[in-house]
Amino acid sequence: MKKFALFVFNGDPMCFIHVLLNALDMNSKGHEAKIIIEGASVKLIPELVKSGNPLNGLWKKNLEAGLVEGVCKACSNKMGTLDAAKEQGLNLLDDMSGHPGIVSYRDKGYEIITF
């Protein structure tokens, strides 16, 4: 089994869909996948829970599978989505000056993939 940390910085929904699909695919093939939502992608958080959003179904599947590690606390605060992240019960990641640090995942044996 391999371990992957998927750091998504890009706020484009067409990019984010690939993060969601890849995490589910990795998980289905016996790998460990963690999605870390960073940078501009935090703007998607309030939209993902809307039933009319095309990403909503995939978002729910990833949440149910436990694949969403959390959200950058600093970026979600700066981008105005911190309350939405809290409402969804997402972990706020802040071990590196308010942001999730990549090195902590590398130290735990995760392969880092950025989007």
C-alpha atoms as a PDB file:
ATOM      1  CA  MET A   1       0.000   0.000   0.000  1.00  0.00           C
ATOM      2  CA  LYS A   2       1.226   3.470  -0.903  1.00  0.00           C
ATOM      3  CA  LYS A   3       0.361   6.691   0.889  1.00  0.00           C
ATOM      4  CA  PHE A   4      -0.509   9.854  -1.006  1.00  0.00           C
ATOM      5  CA  ALA A   5      -1.087  13.387   0.254  1.00  0.00           C
ATOM      6  CA  LEU A   6      -2.974  15.372  -2.363  1.00  0.00           C
ATOM      7  CA  PHE A   7      -2.351  19.080  -1.788  1.00  0.00           C
ATOM      8  CA  VAL A   8      -4.837  21.072  -3.836  1.00  0.00           C
ATOM      9  CA  PHE A   9      -4.016  24.767  -4.243  1.00  0.00           C
ATOM     10  CA  ASN A  10      -5.894  25.439  -7.484  1.00  0.00           C
ATOM     11  CA  GLY A  11      -9.413  26.812  -7.027  1.00  0.00           C
ATOM     12  CA  ASP A  12     -10.616  25.755 -10.474  1.00  0.00           C
ATOM     13  CA  PRO A  13     -13.467  23.213 -10.137  1.00  0.00           C
ATOM     14  CA  MET A  14     -12.135  21.335 -13.196  1.00  0.00           C
ATOM     15  CA  CYS A  15      -8.888  20.772 -11.319  1.00  0.00           C
ATOM     16  CA  PHE A  16     -10.612  19.934  -8.048  1.00  0.00           C
ATOM     17  CA  ILE A  17     -12.734  17.216  -9.679  1.00  0.00           C
ATOM     18  CA  HIS A  18      -9.516  15.374 -10.546  1.00  0.00           C
ATOM     19  CA  VAL A  19      -8.371  15.545  -6.939  1.00  0.00           C
ATOM     20  CA  LEU A  20     -11.675  14.016  -5.807  1.00  0.00           C
ATOM     21  CA  LEU A  21     -11.627  11.330  -8.498  1.00  0.00           C
ATOM     22  CA  ASN A  22      -7.996  10.379  -7.876  1.00  0.00           C
ATOM     23  CA  ALA A  23      -8.463  10.133  -4.116  1.00  0.00           C
ATOM     24  CA  LEU A  24     -11.417   7.785  -4.563  1.00  0.00           C
ATOM     25  CA  ASP A  25      -9.512   5.746  -7.160  1.00  0.00           C
ATOM     26  CA  MET A  26      -6.435   5.432  -4.954  1.00  0.00           C
ATOM     27  CA  ASN A  27      -8.591   4.401  -2.016  1.00  0.00           C
ATOM     28  CA  SER A  28     -10.458   1.798  -4.069  1.00  0.00           C
ATOM     29  CA  LYS A  29      -7.124   0.249  -5.076  1.00  0.00           C
ATOM     30  CA  GLY A  30      -5.986  -0.132  -1.477  1.00  0.00           C
ATOM     31  CA  HIS A  31      -3.852   2.971  -1.171  1.00  0.00           C
ATOM     32  CA  GLU A  32      -4.131   5.632   1.487  1.00  0.00           C
ATOM     33  CA  ALA A  33      -5.079   9.060   0.167  1.00  0.00           C
ATOM     34  CA  LYS A  34      -5.483  12.328   2.032  1.00  0.00           C
ATOM     35  CA  ILE A  35      -6.819  15.526   0.497  1.00  0.00           C
ATOM     36  CA  ILE A  36      -5.384  18.747   1.896  1.00  0.00           C
ATOM     37  CA  ILE A  37      -7.262  21.855   0.737  1.00  0.00           C
ATOM     38  CA  GLU A  38      -4.955  24.886   0.459  1.00  0.00           C
ATOM     39  CA  GLY A  39      -4.610  28.236  -1.267  1.00  0.00           C
ATOM     40  CA  ALA A  40      -7.322  29.331  -3.689  1.00  0.00           C
ATOM     41  CA  SER A  41      -9.080  25.957  -3.500  1.00  0.00           C
ATOM     42  CA  VAL A  42     -10.512  26.895  -0.083  1.00  0.00           C
ATOM     43  CA  LYS A  43     -12.960  29.154  -1.959  1.00  0.00           C
ATOM     44  CA  LEU A  44     -14.730  25.993  -3.151  1.00  0.00           C
ATOM     45  CA  ILE A  45     -15.640  24.828   0.360  1.00  0.00           C
ATOM     46  CA  PRO A  46     -19.039  26.556   0.710  1.00  0.00           C
ATOM     47  CA  GLU A  47     -20.005  25.551  -2.836  1.00  0.00           C
ATOM     48  CA  LEU A  48     -19.221  21.845  -2.486  1.00  0.00           C
ATOM     49  CA  VAL A  49     -22.136  21.181  -0.126  1.00  0.00           C
ATOM     50  CA  LYS A  50     -24.741  22.720  -2.432  1.00  0.00           C
ATOM     51  CA  SER A  51     -26.905  20.017  -3.984  1.00  0.00           C
ATOM     52  CA  GLY A  52     -26.831  21.714  -7.400  1.00  0.00           C
ATOM     53  CA  ASN A  53     -23.044  21.796  -7.515  1.00  0.00           C
ATOM     54  CA  PRO A  54     -21.647  19.227  -9.975  1.00  0.00           C
ATOM     55  CA  LEU A  55     -18.917  18.306  -7.443  1.00  0.00           C
ATOM     56  CA  ASN A  56     -21.338  17.711  -4.571  1.00  0.00           C
ATOM     57  CA  GLY A  57     -21.715  13.941  -5.086  1.00  0.00           C
ATOM     58  CA  LEU A  58     -17.966  13.344  -5.339  1.00  0.00           C
ATOM     59  CA  TRP A  59     -17.363  15.614  -2.341  1.00  0.00           C
ATOM     60  CA  LYS A  60     -19.804  13.566  -0.248  1.00  0.00           C
ATOM     61  CA  LYS A  61     -18.155  10.303  -1.313  1.00  0.00           C
ATOM     62  CA  ASN A  62     -14.724  11.599  -0.322  1.00  0.00           C
ATOM     63  CA  LEU A  63     -16.020  12.826   3.039  1.00  0.00           C
ATOM     64  CA  GLU A  64     -17.757   9.513   3.729  1.00  0.00           C
ATOM     65  CA  ALA A  65     -14.579   7.616   2.844  1.00  0.00           C
ATOM     66  CA  GLY A  66     -12.560   9.784   5.232  1.00  0.00           C
ATOM     67  CA  LEU A  67     -10.296  11.053   2.468  1.00  0.00           C
ATOM     68  CA  VAL A  68     -10.510  14.765   3.275  1.00  0.00           C
ATOM     69  CA  GLU A  69      -7.686  15.460   5.712  1.00  0.00           C
ATOM     70  CA  GLY A  70      -8.638  19.084   6.197  1.00  0.00           C
ATOM     71  CA  VAL A  71      -8.403  22.700   5.180  1.00  0.00           C
ATOM     72  CA  CYS A  72      -5.714  25.323   5.541  1.00  0.00           C
ATOM     73  CA  LYS A  73      -6.735  27.473   8.479  1.00  0.00           C
ATOM     74  CA  ALA A  74      -4.862  30.585   7.312  1.00  0.00           C
ATOM     75  CA  CYS A  75      -6.100  30.450   3.728  1.00  0.00           C
ATOM     76  CA  SER A  76      -9.707  29.751   4.655  1.00  0.00           C
ATOM     77  CA  ASN A  77      -9.577  32.651   7.113  1.00  0.00           C
ATOM     78  CA  LYS A  78      -8.064  34.975   4.491  1.00  0.00           C
ATOM     79  CA  MET A  79     -10.501  33.864   1.774  1.00  0.00           C
ATOM     80  CA  GLY A  80     -13.590  34.097   3.998  1.00  0.00           C
ATOM     81  CA  THR A  81     -14.453  30.395   4.084  1.00  0.00           C
ATOM     82  CA  LEU A  82     -13.324  29.527   7.621  1.00  0.00           C
ATOM     83  CA  ASP A  83     -16.900  29.449   8.950  1.00  0.00           C
ATOM     84  CA  ALA A  84     -18.005  27.193   6.075  1.00  0.00           C
ATOM     85  CA  ALA A  85     -15.143  24.802   6.856  1.00  0.00           C
ATOM     86  CA  LYS A  86     -16.137  24.741  10.517  1.00  0.00           C
ATOM     87  CA  GLU A  87     -19.815  24.202   9.634  1.00  0.00           C
ATOM     88  CA  GLN A  88     -18.831  21.145   7.590  1.00  0.00           C
ATOM     89  CA  GLY A  89     -16.747  19.826  10.473  1.00  0.00           C
ATOM     90  CA  LEU A  90     -13.532  19.903   8.444  1.00  0.00           C
ATOM     91  CA  ASN A  91     -10.201  19.755  10.252  1.00  0.00           C
ATOM     92  CA  LEU A  92      -8.359  23.046  10.275  1.00  0.00           C
ATOM     93  CA  LEU A  93      -4.724  22.432   9.417  1.00  0.00           C
ATOM     94  CA  ASP A  94      -2.188  24.931  10.717  1.00  0.00           C
ATOM     95  CA  ASP A  95       1.055  23.234  11.781  1.00  0.00           C
ATOM     96  CA  MET A  96       3.244  25.494   9.597  1.00  0.00           C
ATOM     97  CA  SER A  97       2.617  29.143  10.517  1.00  0.00           C
ATOM     98  CA  GLY A  98      -1.141  28.679  10.044  1.00  0.00           C
ATOM     99  CA  HIS A  99      -0.828  26.454   6.954  1.00  0.00           C
ATOM    100  CA  PRO A 100      -0.527  22.671   6.578  1.00  0.00           C
ATOM    101  CA  GLY A 101       3.118  21.743   6.202  1.00  0.00           C
ATOM    102  CA  ILE A 102       4.145  19.334   3.472  1.00  0.00           C
ATOM    103  CA  VAL A 103       7.194  18.066   5.365  1.00  0.00           C
ATOM    104  CA  SER A 104       5.077  16.484   8.113  1.00  0.00           C
ATOM    105  CA  TYR A 105       3.391  14.288   5.491  1.00  0.00           C
ATOM    106  CA  ARG A 106       6.733  13.411   3.861  1.00  0.00           C
ATOM    107  CA  ASP A 107       8.084  12.446   7.277  1.00  0.00           C
ATOM    108  CA  LYS A 108       5.142  10.040   7.647  1.00  0.00           C
ATOM    109  CA  GLY A 109       5.930   8.373   4.311  1.00  0.00           C
ATOM    110  CA  TYR A 110       3.408  10.127   2.086  1.00  0.00           C
ATOM    111  CA  GLU A 111       4.127  10.822  -1.557  1.00  0.00           C
ATOM    112  CA  ILE A 112       3.183  14.466  -2.157  1.00  0.00           C
ATOM    113  CA  ILE A 113       1.092  15.370  -5.173  1.00  0.00           C
ATOM    114  CA  THR A 114       0.137  18.984  -5.789  1.00  0.00           C
ATOM    115  CA  PHE A 115      -2.720  20.279  -7.882  1.00  0.00           C
END
